[in-house]
Protein backbone atom coordinates (compact mmCIF):
# COMPACT_ATOMS: atom_id res chain seq x y z
CA UNK A 1 -20.23 -15.90 2.30
CA UNK A 2 -17.28 -13.78 3.41
CA UNK A 3 -14.52 -15.25 5.57
CA UNK A 4 -14.35 -14.14 9.23
CA UNK A 5 -11.96 -11.27 9.93
CA UNK A 6 -9.38 -12.39 12.54
CA UNK A 7 -8.89 -8.77 13.55
CA UNK A 8 -12.55 -7.80 13.86
CA UNK A 9 -12.56 -7.58 17.64
CA UNK A 10 -9.64 -5.14 17.73
CA UNK A 11 -11.08 -3.05 14.90
CA UNK A 12 -14.44 -2.83 16.67
CA UNK A 13 -12.75 -0.91 19.48
CA UNK A 14 -11.51 1.81 17.13
CA UNK A 15 -13.91 4.52 15.92
CA UNK A 16 -13.97 5.09 12.16
CA UNK A 17 -15.66 7.65 9.92
CA UNK A 18 -15.76 8.01 6.13
CA UNK A 19 -15.05 11.44 4.68
CA UNK A 20 -14.35 13.05 1.33
CA UNK A 21 -11.95 15.73 0.15
CA UNK A 22 -11.57 17.60 -3.13
CA UNK A 23 -8.01 17.02 -4.35
CA UNK A 24 -6.63 18.15 -7.72
CA UNK A 25 -10.15 18.64 -9.02
CA UNK A 26 -11.36 15.16 -8.04
CA UNK A 27 -13.05 13.63 -5.01
CA UNK A 28 -10.92 11.50 -2.70
CA UNK A 29 -12.68 9.14 -0.30
CA UNK A 30 -10.85 8.56 2.96
CA UNK A 31 -11.39 6.98 6.34
CA UNK A 32 -10.40 8.33 9.75
CA UNK A 33 -9.61 5.75 12.41
CA UNK A 34 -9.06 6.59 16.05
CA UNK A 35 -9.66 9.75 18.07
CA UNK A 36 -9.57 13.15 16.37
CA UNK A 37 -7.56 14.54 19.30
CA UNK A 38 -4.82 11.88 19.11
CA UNK A 39 -1.28 13.10 19.69
CA UNK A 40 -0.07 11.32 16.53
CA UNK A 41 -1.65 11.04 13.09
CA UNK A 42 -0.54 8.59 10.41
CA UNK A 43 -1.36 9.07 6.74
CA UNK A 44 -1.54 5.51 5.33
CA UNK A 45 -1.14 4.78 1.59
CA UNK A 46 -2.24 1.34 0.38
CA UNK A 47 -0.73 -0.85 -2.31
CA UNK A 48 -1.45 -1.63 -5.96
CA UNK A 49 -5.00 -2.88 -6.70
CA UNK A 50 -5.82 -2.48 -3.03
CA UNK A 51 -7.76 0.11 -1.09
CA UNK A 52 -7.99 1.36 2.49
CA UNK A 53 -9.41 -1.93 3.80
CA UNK A 54 -6.08 -3.64 3.26
CA UNK A 55 -4.35 -1.66 6.00
CA UNK A 56 -7.09 -2.13 8.59
CA UNK A 57 -5.37 -5.13 10.27
CA UNK A 58 -2.41 -2.89 11.14
CA UNK A 59 -4.75 -0.11 12.24
CA UNK A 60 -6.40 -2.63 14.56
CA UNK A 61 -3.20 -2.79 16.63
CA UNK A 62 -2.62 0.98 16.79
CA UNK A 63 -5.06 2.06 19.51
CA UNK A 64 -4.87 5.73 20.40
CA UNK A 65 -3.29 6.63 17.04
CA UNK A 66 -5.27 8.62 14.47
CA UNK A 67 -4.94 7.01 11.03
CA UNK A 68 -6.06 8.74 7.83
CA UNK A 69 -6.46 6.13 5.10
CA UNK A 70 -7.54 7.28 1.62
CA UNK A 71 -8.30 5.17 -1.40
CA UNK A 72 -5.76 5.98 -4.12
CA UNK A 73 -7.17 7.76 -7.21
CA UNK A 74 -8.78 5.22 -9.49
CA UNK A 75 -9.19 2.59 -6.77
CA UNK A 76 -11.89 1.78 -4.23
CA UNK A 77 -14.21 4.74 -3.82
CA UNK A 78 -11.85 7.43 -5.15
CA UNK A 79 -12.39 8.57 -8.72
CA UNK A 80 -9.51 8.80 -11.19
CA UNK A 81 -7.51 12.02 -11.35
CA UNK A 82 -9.30 14.29 -13.86
CA UNK A 83 -7.08 15.20 -16.77
CA UNK A 84 -3.99 13.54 -15.24
CA UNK A 85 -2.05 10.38 -15.89
CA UNK A 86 -1.82 7.92 -13.04
CA UNK A 87 1.96 7.90 -13.07
CA UNK A 88 4.32 8.56 -10.20
CA UNK A 89 4.15 12.33 -10.68
CA UNK A 90 0.36 12.25 -10.59
CA UNK A 91 0.22 10.18 -7.42
CA UNK A 92 2.89 12.30 -5.72
CA UNK A 93 1.03 15.51 -6.49
CA UNK A 94 -2.21 13.94 -5.26
CA UNK A 95 -0.69 12.70 -2.00
CA UNK A 96 1.05 16.00 -1.31
CA UNK A 97 -2.16 17.97 -1.87
CA UNK A 98 -4.26 15.50 0.12
CA UNK A 99 -1.87 15.66 3.08
CA UNK A 100 -1.81 19.47 3.05
CA UNK A 101 -5.62 19.62 3.02
CA UNK A 102 -6.52 16.91 5.51
CA UNK A 103 -3.62 16.02 7.80
CA UNK A 104 -0.65 18.39 7.63
CA UNK A 105 2.23 17.17 9.75
CA UNK A 106 1.13 13.53 9.75
CA UNK A 107 3.59 10.67 9.79
CA UNK A 108 3.47 9.08 6.32
CA UNK A 109 3.10 5.29 5.87
CA UNK A 110 3.14 3.41 2.59
CA UNK A 111 2.68 -0.28 1.83
CA UNK A 112 4.14 -1.91 -1.32
CA UNK A 113 3.22 0.37 -4.25
CA UNK A 114 2.24 2.90 -1.59
CA UNK A 115 5.86 2.80 -0.39
CA UNK A 116 7.00 4.07 -3.79
CA UNK A 117 4.44 6.89 -3.78
CA UNK A 118 5.04 7.84 -0.13
CA UNK A 119 8.83 7.86 -0.44
CA UNK A 120 8.77 9.88 -3.66
CA UNK A 121 6.37 12.43 -2.14
CA UNK A 122 8.49 12.88 0.99
CA UNK A 123 11.67 13.18 -1.09
CA UNK A 124 9.90 15.81 -3.21
CA UNK A 125 9.07 17.89 -0.13
CA UNK A 126 5.90 16.56 1.50
CA UNK A 127 6.32 17.78 5.11
CA UNK A 128 6.31 14.95 7.66
CA UNK A 129 8.13 14.14 10.90
CA UNK A 130 8.71 10.53 9.85
CA UNK A 131 8.23 7.90 7.17
CA UNK A 132 7.15 4.26 7.57
CA UNK A 133 7.44 1.80 4.68
CA UNK A 134 5.82 -1.65 4.95
CA UNK A 135 6.95 -4.26 2.40
CA UNK A 136 8.88 -1.49 0.63
CA UNK A 137 9.67 -2.01 -3.04
CA UNK A 138 13.44 -1.85 -2.66
CA UNK A 139 14.52 -3.19 -6.05
CA UNK A 140 13.16 -3.41 -9.60
CA UNK A 141 10.21 -5.79 -9.63
CA UNK A 142 11.47 -7.50 -12.78
CA UNK A 143 14.70 -8.42 -10.98
CA UNK A 144 12.99 -10.08 -7.98
CA UNK A 145 13.01 -13.80 -7.21
CA UNK A 146 9.77 -14.11 -9.16
CA UNK A 147 10.87 -12.01 -12.13
CA UNK A 148 9.26 -14.49 -14.52
CA UNK A 149 5.95 -14.10 -12.66
CA UNK A 150 6.31 -10.31 -12.95
CA UNK A 151 6.90 -10.58 -16.68
CA UNK A 152 3.71 -12.62 -16.98
CA UNK A 153 1.95 -9.86 -15.05
CA UNK A 154 3.31 -7.29 -17.53
CA UNK A 155 1.78 -9.32 -20.38
CA UNK A 156 -1.47 -9.74 -18.47
CA UNK A 157 -1.94 -6.01 -17.87
CA UNK A 158 -0.87 -5.21 -21.42
CA UNK A 159 -3.49 -7.60 -22.80
CA UNK A 160 -6.08 -6.09 -20.49
CA UNK A 161 -5.26 -2.65 -21.90
CA UNK A 162 -5.12 -3.67 -25.58
CA UNK A 163 -7.99 -6.12 -26.00
CA UNK A 164 -11.49 -4.79 -26.80
CA UNK A 165 -12.60 -2.92 -23.70
CA UNK A 166 -15.27 -5.37 -22.56
CA UNK A 167 -12.95 -8.36 -22.98
CA UNK A 168 -10.01 -6.55 -21.40
CA UNK A 169 -12.01 -5.45 -18.36
CA UNK A 170 -13.31 -8.99 -17.89
CA UNK A 171 -9.77 -10.39 -18.03
CA UNK A 172 -8.49 -7.91 -15.46
CA UNK A 173 -11.35 -8.69 -13.07
CA UNK A 174 -11.27 -12.46 -13.59
CA UNK A 175 -11.75 -14.11 -10.19
CA UNK A 176 -9.57 -17.12 -11.01
CA UNK A 177 -6.63 -14.90 -11.95
CA UNK A 178 -7.14 -12.82 -8.80
CA UNK A 179 -7.01 -16.04 -6.78
CA UNK A 180 -3.76 -17.05 -8.48
CA UNK A 181 -2.28 -13.69 -7.49
CA UNK A 182 -3.43 -14.21 -3.92
CA UNK A 183 -2.01 -17.73 -3.76
CA UNK A 184 1.31 -16.46 -5.09
CA UNK A 185 1.66 -13.98 -2.22
CA UNK A 186 0.23 -15.71 0.83
CA UNK A 187 2.69 -17.58 3.09
CA UNK A 188 0.72 -18.50 6.20
CA UNK A 189 -0.38 -22.10 6.67
CA UNK A 190 -3.19 -21.07 8.99
CA UNK A 191 -6.38 -22.10 7.15
CA UNK A 192 -8.57 -19.39 8.71
CA UNK A 193 -6.09 -16.66 7.91
CA UNK A 194 -5.60 -17.92 4.35
CA UNK A 195 -9.38 -17.81 3.78
CA UNK A 196 -9.45 -14.26 5.09
CA UNK A 197 -6.61 -13.15 2.80
CA UNK A 198 -8.21 -14.71 -0.27
CA UNK A 199 -11.58 -13.20 0.63
CA UNK A 200 -10.00 -9.76 0.93
CA UNK A 201 -8.45 -10.07 -2.51
CA UNK A 202 -11.65 -11.47 -4.00
CA UNK A 203 -13.64 -8.57 -2.53
CA UNK A 204 -11.35 -5.60 -3.12
CA UNK A 205 -8.75 -6.42 -5.79
CA UNK A 206 -11.10 -5.59 -8.67
CA UNK A 207 -12.46 -2.30 -7.34
CA UNK A 208 -10.49 -0.19 -9.79
CA UNK A 209 -12.16 2.46 -11.94
CA UNK A 210 -11.23 1.12 -15.37
CA UNK A 211 -8.50 -0.69 -17.24
CA UNK A 212 -6.70 2.50 -18.30
CA UNK A 213 -6.13 3.60 -14.72
CA UNK A 214 -5.07 0.09 -13.74
CA UNK A 215 -2.55 -0.17 -16.56
CA UNK A 216 -1.06 3.25 -15.85
CA UNK A 217 -0.71 2.40 -12.17
CA UNK A 218 0.82 -0.99 -12.94
CA UNK A 219 3.42 0.49 -15.29
CA UNK A 220 4.26 2.98 -12.55
CA UNK A 221 4.62 0.19 -9.99
CA UNK A 222 7.15 -1.78 -12.06
CA UNK A 223 9.03 1.27 -13.36
CA UNK A 224 10.01 2.73 -9.98
CA UNK A 225 11.21 1.64 -6.57
CA UNK A 226 12.10 3.26 -3.25
CA UNK A 227 15.82 3.36 -4.01
CA UNK A 228 15.19 6.29 -6.32
CA UNK A 229 13.97 8.45 -3.41
CA UNK A 230 15.90 7.14 -0.40
CA UNK A 231 18.87 9.49 -0.42
CA UNK A 232 16.60 12.54 -0.55
CA UNK A 233 14.66 11.66 2.61
CA UNK A 234 16.13 13.30 5.70
CA UNK A 235 13.33 12.33 8.06
CA UNK A 236 13.63 9.31 10.37
CA UNK A 237 12.43 6.29 8.41
CA UNK A 238 11.27 2.83 9.43
CA UNK A 239 11.37 -0.06 6.96
CA UNK A 240 9.26 -3.08 7.89
CA UNK A 241 10.33 -5.94 5.64
CA UNK A 242 9.45 -9.61 5.25
CA UNK A 243 12.07 -12.33 5.19
CA UNK A 244 10.11 -14.30 2.54
CA UNK A 245 9.03 -11.44 0.29
CA UNK A 246 9.04 -12.60 -3.34
CA UNK A 247 8.90 -9.07 -4.73
CA UNK A 248 11.85 -7.55 -2.87
CA UNK A 249 14.20 -10.11 -1.30
CA UNK A 250 15.27 -9.35 2.26
CA UNK A 251 18.88 -8.94 1.09
CA UNK A 252 17.76 -6.02 -1.08
CA UNK A 253 15.89 -4.48 1.87
CA UNK A 254 19.11 -4.63 3.89
CA UNK A 255 20.83 -2.76 1.08
CA UNK A 256 17.95 -0.28 0.80
CA UNK A 257 18.07 0.81 4.45
CA UNK A 258 21.67 1.95 3.99
CA UNK A 259 20.63 4.40 1.27
CA UNK A 260 18.62 6.54 3.72
CA UNK A 261 20.36 9.19 5.84
CA UNK A 262 18.41 8.06 8.91
CA UNK A 263 16.62 4.72 8.71
CA UNK A 264 16.22 1.46 10.55
CA UNK A 265 15.03 -1.93 9.33
CA UNK A 266 12.67 -4.27 11.17
CA UNK A 267 12.47 -7.78 9.71
CA UNK A 268 9.53 -10.12 10.20
CA UNK A 269 10.16 -13.85 9.64
CA UNK A 270 7.90 -16.43 7.99
CA UNK A 271 5.90 -13.87 5.99
CA UNK A 272 6.02 -12.53 2.47
CA UNK A 273 4.49 -9.53 0.76
CA UNK A 274 1.36 -9.56 2.92
CA UNK A 275 2.68 -8.26 6.24
CA UNK A 276 -0.48 -6.15 6.55
CA UNK A 277 -2.68 -9.27 6.48
CA UNK A 278 -0.54 -12.01 8.00
CA UNK A 279 1.59 -10.28 10.66
CA UNK A 280 -0.07 -6.94 11.45
CA UNK A 281 0.59 -7.10 15.21
CA UNK A 282 4.42 -7.20 15.03
CA UNK A 283 4.29 -4.54 12.31
CA UNK A 284 2.14 -2.31 14.53
CA UNK A 285 4.42 -2.92 17.50
CA UNK A 286 7.41 -1.80 15.42
CA UNK A 287 5.45 1.29 14.38
CA UNK A 288 4.62 2.13 17.99
CA UNK A 289 8.30 1.86 18.98
CA UNK A 290 9.25 4.09 16.05
CA UNK A 291 6.65 6.69 17.01
CA UNK A 292 7.84 6.63 20.61
CA UNK A 293 11.29 7.56 19.39
């Protein structure tokens, strides 16, 4: 039985439709939240192993805003990129083409791994009036406060890619390992919210196409960070960071914001790498203030 969604009531007030688009020869599934005639549209890019559901708690607190939320290629309901590697260049090309086809001129938002893709795409020329990065990856993952944990993850994904396919796939989708990942990230002590977070990871963390896509995406996630793109982004940028993030320490986020020509940093206390699940309301409020600017 699934855990109750603490944000269900707010989400129920927001219209949502599922749509598809042909992008780079493949089919991208995406969801449109909010009114089609909204004054502002946000293109939201989810994180590694996630899908569009993960950003719904933030969407729940953005009434009146149109949010376009696709599943990344190879995750959720979007097929892998045909004939392309799922590296940073592949994801940047996909996001740029998707934006041009479905929501030109949208504000771009990226969470975690999505922050790397969104920042790189904007730096490479994706047209947008503004950029929002939630839990941005502002330093090499291997250098974070849980660098040892990241190195174990490197071994885990390598084994998943190298073992016989059936064994490797089973390892990568193992529910106990997914729960360990979830426990490593969650910070809230609220029992109801913790159950919801774990249920989300149990339900959606293994909806990747195959182990090859997952490994390529993982290597991309630990080989790049937002610092590589920051200086090339002229648009106003909002960084929403967590004071207890184990992947990018808050001190590194304070360094990261200074690399952008025009950026501001909003810090949320008592939360880690799951701002989108644990503190979506203050994140959404910061986004609304940024959009009002």
